C-alpha cells in the first residue's frame, strides 16, 4: 500500500484533476476525475488496486521512439473525491485545484437525485454552476502552468486527458 504522503507528492508532480464535459444527453453532465499517467506500470497498478479501480491503460508513445510507454489510471467520482480528501493535507502545487474538484463532487452528490422533478430553470442553474467550476479549474491549471512546467498548446496532446476538448500541453518558452 502506498502512503498517502507519497501519493500526494506524486500527484502534485505527475497527477491531473480533470472535469470532463459530457454531452451525450440533452443535458450536459460533469464528473470528477483524478488521473495519474506514469512510465512505471507497477506504481499505476498499486494506485488502481488501492482505490478499487480496475482500469489501467497503456499509452504507446508514437511521436518519439525514444520515449517510454506510459500507463494511466483514472479514479472517478466519489472515489476521486475521497482520494483528494485523503491527500489534501499534503498537497502543495495542486491544493487549489483539489478544492475546486471537491466543490464539484460535493455539488454532484447533493443534487444527484430528483432530476425528473426539477424545472428547466433549476437544471439550467445546476449546469451553469458546474460549468463555472469546470472553467475555474481550467483557469487554475493555466495559472499553475505559468510556473514554467506546462501550458496549453497545439503542439502536443495532453496525455492525461487525451487532448479532450482540444486541450494540449507544451513547454513554455522563457521570456
Protein backbone atom coordinates (compact mmCIF):
# COMPACT_ATOMS: atom_id res chain seq x y z
CA UNK A 1 0.00 0.00 0.00
CA UNK A 2 1.33 3.41 -1.00
CA UNK A 3 1.40 6.03 1.75
CA UNK A 4 -0.90 8.99 1.31
CA UNK A 5 2.08 11.33 1.64
CA UNK A 6 3.79 9.56 -1.28
CA UNK A 7 0.60 9.72 -3.38
CA UNK A 8 0.18 13.44 -2.64
CA UNK A 9 3.74 14.18 -3.72
CA UNK A 10 3.36 12.06 -6.83
CA UNK A 11 0.05 13.73 -7.61
CA UNK A 12 1.48 17.22 -7.14
CA UNK A 13 4.14 16.42 -9.73
CA UNK A 14 2.50 13.98 -12.13
CA UNK A 15 -1.22 13.95 -11.42
CA UNK A 16 -4.13 15.74 -13.00
CA UNK A 17 -7.62 16.76 -11.91
CA UNK A 18 -9.99 16.71 -14.83
CA UNK A 19 -13.64 17.76 -15.08
CA UNK A 20 -14.93 16.49 -18.41
CA UNK A 21 -17.99 18.00 -20.05
CA UNK A 22 -20.06 15.12 -21.39
CA UNK A 23 -22.77 15.91 -23.91
CA UNK A 24 -24.27 12.51 -24.64
CA UNK A 25 -27.66 13.51 -23.17
CA UNK A 26 -29.77 16.58 -23.82
CA UNK A 27 -28.48 17.99 -20.50
CA UNK A 28 -24.68 18.28 -20.22
CA UNK A 29 -23.14 16.33 -17.38
CA UNK A 30 -19.90 16.72 -15.47
CA UNK A 31 -17.71 14.42 -13.45
CA UNK A 32 -14.58 14.48 -11.33
CA UNK A 33 -11.51 12.54 -12.42
CA UNK A 34 -8.15 12.18 -10.72
CA UNK A 35 -5.61 10.93 -13.25
CA UNK A 36 -2.10 9.58 -12.89
CA UNK A 37 -0.02 8.96 -16.01
CA UNK A 38 3.45 7.47 -15.42
CA UNK A 39 6.03 5.33 -17.15
CA UNK A 40 6.15 2.97 -14.14
CA UNK A 41 3.41 0.38 -14.52
CA UNK A 42 3.82 -1.04 -11.01
CA UNK A 43 3.04 2.30 -9.38
CA UNK A 44 -0.06 2.75 -11.57
CA UNK A 45 -1.25 -0.76 -10.69
CA UNK A 46 -0.76 -0.10 -6.97
CA UNK A 47 -2.77 3.12 -7.16
CA UNK A 48 -5.55 1.31 -9.05
CA UNK A 49 -5.64 -1.52 -6.51
CA UNK A 50 -5.55 0.83 -3.52
CA UNK A 51 -8.55 2.82 -4.79
CA UNK A 52 -10.53 -0.09 -6.21
CA UNK A 53 -10.10 0.85 -9.84
CA UNK A 54 -9.72 -1.92 -12.38
CA UNK A 55 -8.95 0.26 -15.39
CA UNK A 56 -5.35 1.00 -16.28
CA UNK A 57 -4.37 1.85 -19.80
CA UNK A 58 -1.14 1.59 -21.71
CA UNK A 59 -0.41 4.61 -23.84
CA UNK A 60 2.06 3.99 -26.61
CA UNK A 61 4.19 6.97 -27.44
CA UNK A 62 4.34 7.02 -31.23
CA UNK A 63 5.60 10.60 -31.50
CA UNK A 64 9.16 9.70 -30.50
CA UNK A 65 10.60 6.19 -30.45
CA UNK A 66 12.93 7.17 -27.60
CA UNK A 67 10.01 7.88 -25.26
CA UNK A 68 8.90 5.19 -22.83
CA UNK A 69 5.38 3.82 -22.84
CA UNK A 70 3.10 5.48 -20.29
CA UNK A 71 0.48 3.88 -18.06
CA UNK A 72 -2.61 5.69 -16.89
CA UNK A 73 -5.19 5.20 -14.17
CA UNK A 74 -8.32 7.31 -13.72
CA UNK A 75 -10.18 7.47 -10.44
CA UNK A 76 -13.67 8.90 -10.94
CA UNK A 77 -16.50 10.37 -8.93
CA UNK A 78 -16.71 9.82 -5.19
CA UNK A 79 -13.58 7.64 -5.18
CA UNK A 80 -11.66 10.53 -6.73
CA UNK A 81 -13.10 12.93 -4.15
CA UNK A 82 -12.08 10.58 -1.33
CA UNK A 83 -8.56 10.38 -2.73
CA UNK A 84 -8.38 14.20 -2.85
CA UNK A 85 -9.67 14.41 0.73
CA UNK A 86 -7.03 11.90 1.84
CA UNK A 87 -4.22 13.77 0.05
CA UNK A 88 -5.48 17.26 0.92
CA UNK A 89 -3.27 17.96 3.98
CA UNK A 90 -0.16 17.06 1.95
CA UNK A 91 -0.86 18.82 -1.36
CA UNK A 92 1.12 21.91 -2.28
CA UNK A 93 1.02 22.52 -6.04
CA UNK A 94 -2.50 21.21 -6.68
CA UNK A 95 -4.15 22.27 -3.43
CA UNK A 96 -6.38 24.91 -5.03
CA UNK A 97 -7.31 22.54 -7.88
CA UNK A 98 -8.26 19.91 -5.28
CA UNK A 99 -10.56 22.41 -3.55
CA UNK A 100 -12.34 23.08 -6.84
CA UNK A 101 -12.63 19.36 -7.65
CA UNK A 102 -14.14 18.68 -4.22
CA UNK A 103 -16.63 21.53 -4.73
CA UNK A 104 -17.85 19.85 -7.91
CA UNK A 105 -18.16 16.38 -6.42
CA UNK A 106 -19.99 17.70 -3.34
CA UNK A 107 -22.42 19.50 -5.68
CA UNK A 108 -22.93 16.34 -7.76
CA UNK A 109 -23.61 14.31 -4.62
CA UNK A 110 -26.03 16.93 -3.25
CA UNK A 111 -28.07 17.14 -6.48
CA UNK A 112 -27.70 13.54 -7.68
CA UNK A 113 -31.36 12.52 -7.50
CA UNK A 114 -34.64 14.13 -8.47
CA UNK A 115 -33.73 15.29 -11.98
CA UNK A 116 -37.19 14.43 -13.36
CA UNK A 117 -38.87 16.63 -10.72
CA UNK A 118 -36.67 19.67 -11.41
CA UNK A 119 -37.75 22.56 -13.57
CA UNK A 120 -35.73 23.61 -16.61
CA UNK A 121 -34.65 26.71 -14.67
CA UNK A 122 -33.33 24.58 -11.78
CA UNK A 123 -31.50 22.27 -14.17
CA UNK A 124 -30.08 25.28 -16.01
CA UNK A 125 -28.79 26.74 -12.73
CA UNK A 126 -27.16 23.42 -11.77
CA UNK A 127 -25.48 23.08 -15.16
CA UNK A 128 -24.34 26.72 -15.07
CA UNK A 129 -22.80 26.25 -11.60
CA UNK A 130 -20.95 23.09 -12.69
CA UNK A 131 -19.70 24.72 -15.87
CA UNK A 132 -18.41 27.58 -13.75
CA UNK A 133 -16.47 25.11 -11.60
CA UNK A 134 -15.05 23.41 -14.71
CA UNK A 135 -13.89 26.76 -16.09
CA UNK A 136 -12.43 27.70 -12.72
CA UNK A 137 -10.33 24.51 -12.76
CA UNK A 138 -9.13 25.28 -16.30
CA UNK A 139 -8.11 28.78 -15.21
CA UNK A 140 -6.21 27.37 -12.21
CA UNK A 141 -4.35 24.91 -14.44
CA UNK A 142 -3.32 27.73 -16.74
CA UNK A 143 -2.20 29.78 -13.75
CA UNK A 144 -0.18 26.84 -12.39
CA UNK A 145 1.30 26.32 -15.84
CA UNK A 146 2.80 29.79 -15.74
CA UNK A 147 5.50 28.41 -13.40
CA UNK A 148 7.31 27.12 -16.49
CA UNK A 149 6.13 23.50 -16.34
CA UNK A 150 3.40 23.09 -18.97
CA UNK A 151 0.75 25.10 -20.75
CA UNK A 152 -1.96 24.58 -23.31
CA UNK A 153 -0.65 24.46 -26.88
CA UNK A 154 -1.44 22.93 -30.24
CA UNK A 155 1.85 21.05 -30.36
CA UNK A 156 1.47 18.00 -28.10
CA UNK A 157 -1.77 16.35 -26.86
CA UNK A 158 -2.05 16.18 -23.08
CA UNK A 159 -1.62 12.51 -22.12
CA UNK A 160 -3.80 12.84 -19.04
CA UNK A 161 -6.89 13.97 -20.93
CA UNK A 162 -6.24 12.51 -24.38
CA UNK A 163 -6.42 16.04 -25.77
CA UNK A 164 -10.03 16.26 -24.58
CA UNK A 165 -11.84 19.35 -25.75
CA UNK A 166 -8.78 20.37 -27.77
CA UNK A 167 -6.58 20.78 -24.71
CA UNK A 168 -2.90 20.37 -25.36
CA UNK A 169 0.34 20.73 -23.41
CA UNK A 170 3.71 22.06 -24.39
CA UNK A 171 6.69 23.57 -22.59
CA UNK A 172 6.55 27.29 -22.06
CA UNK A 173 9.23 29.43 -23.61
CA UNK A 174 11.25 31.65 -21.31
CA UNK A 175 10.62 35.33 -21.83
